[in-house]
């Protein structure tokens, strides 16, 4: 059970979760509240997806600048 917890925390850390999130995951795991732990993990996933979407919009904007510059049309 302890190795399962450590694996969970390691995976969350590798996914970019901070110490507060790791502490919360530990609390939920140790309380054996599986439903709350799953809800927490889903919220973490949603937050990471939102970061991904923000980054994608930035990349899209850079791509647009590259296309405009390559075409010689300049920037808007």
Protein backbone atom coordinates (compact mmCIF):
# COMPACT_ATOMS: atom_id res chain seq x y z
CA UNK A 1 0.00 0.00 0.00
CA UNK A 2 2.83 2.40 0.87
CA UNK A 3 4.56 1.72 -2.45
CA UNK A 4 1.26 2.42 -4.22
CA UNK A 5 1.05 5.80 -2.49
CA UNK A 6 4.66 6.64 -3.33
CA UNK A 7 4.06 5.67 -6.95
CA UNK A 8 0.97 7.90 -7.07
CA UNK A 9 2.89 10.84 -5.60
CA UNK A 10 5.84 10.29 -7.94
CA UNK A 11 3.53 10.19 -10.96
CA UNK A 12 1.74 13.36 -9.85
CA UNK A 13 5.06 15.10 -9.30
CA UNK A 14 6.26 14.07 -12.75
CA UNK A 15 3.00 15.44 -14.16
CA UNK A 16 3.86 18.83 -12.69
CA UNK A 17 1.78 18.86 -9.53
CA UNK A 18 3.11 21.03 -6.73
CA UNK A 19 3.62 20.23 -3.06
CA UNK A 20 0.13 21.38 -2.11
CA UNK A 21 -1.45 19.05 -4.63
CA UNK A 22 0.81 16.20 -3.54
CA UNK A 23 -0.15 16.75 0.10
CA UNK A 24 -3.84 16.78 -0.80
CA UNK A 25 -3.49 13.58 -2.82
CA UNK A 26 -1.70 11.96 0.13
CA UNK A 27 -4.48 13.00 2.50
CA UNK A 28 -7.19 11.65 0.23
CA UNK A 29 -5.33 8.41 -0.38
CA UNK A 30 -4.66 7.85 3.31
CA UNK A 31 -8.30 8.58 4.17
CA UNK A 32 -9.30 5.84 1.69
CA UNK A 33 -11.80 8.24 0.13
CA UNK A 34 -11.48 6.86 -3.38
CA UNK A 35 -14.34 8.96 -4.75
CA UNK A 36 -12.78 12.20 -3.47
CA UNK A 37 -9.34 11.15 -4.74
CA UNK A 38 -10.74 10.49 -8.20
CA UNK A 39 -12.52 13.86 -8.22
CA UNK A 40 -9.28 15.55 -7.16
CA UNK A 41 -7.30 13.76 -9.89
CA UNK A 42 -9.88 14.79 -12.48
CA UNK A 43 -9.57 18.42 -11.38
CA UNK A 44 -5.78 18.16 -11.70
CA UNK A 45 -6.23 16.75 -15.18
CA UNK A 46 -8.56 19.58 -16.17
CA UNK A 47 -6.07 22.16 -14.93
CA UNK A 48 -3.29 20.54 -16.96
CA UNK A 49 -5.51 20.46 -20.05
CA UNK A 50 -6.26 24.15 -19.66
CA UNK A 51 -2.50 24.86 -19.49
CA UNK A 52 -2.10 22.80 -22.65
CA UNK A 53 -4.80 24.80 -24.43
CA UNK A 54 -3.19 28.09 -23.41
CA UNK A 55 0.15 26.87 -24.73
CA UNK A 56 -1.48 25.69 -27.96
CA UNK A 57 -2.98 29.14 -28.54
CA UNK A 58 0.49 30.66 -28.07
CA UNK A 59 2.00 28.22 -30.57
CA UNK A 60 -0.83 28.97 -33.02
CA UNK A 61 -0.07 32.69 -32.74
CA UNK A 62 3.64 32.13 -33.36
CA UNK A 63 2.77 29.95 -36.37
CA UNK A 64 0.62 32.76 -37.71
CA UNK A 65 3.48 35.24 -37.32
CA UNK A 66 5.83 32.82 -39.09
CA UNK A 67 3.41 32.40 -42.01
CA UNK A 68 2.89 36.14 -42.34
CA UNK A 69 6.60 36.82 -42.20
CA UNK A 70 7.39 34.05 -44.71
CA UNK A 71 4.75 35.36 -47.10
CA UNK A 72 6.09 38.88 -46.79
CA UNK A 73 2.73 40.22 -45.70
CA UNK A 74 4.10 41.50 -42.41
CA UNK A 75 2.17 41.65 -39.23
CA UNK A 76 -1.35 42.99 -38.87
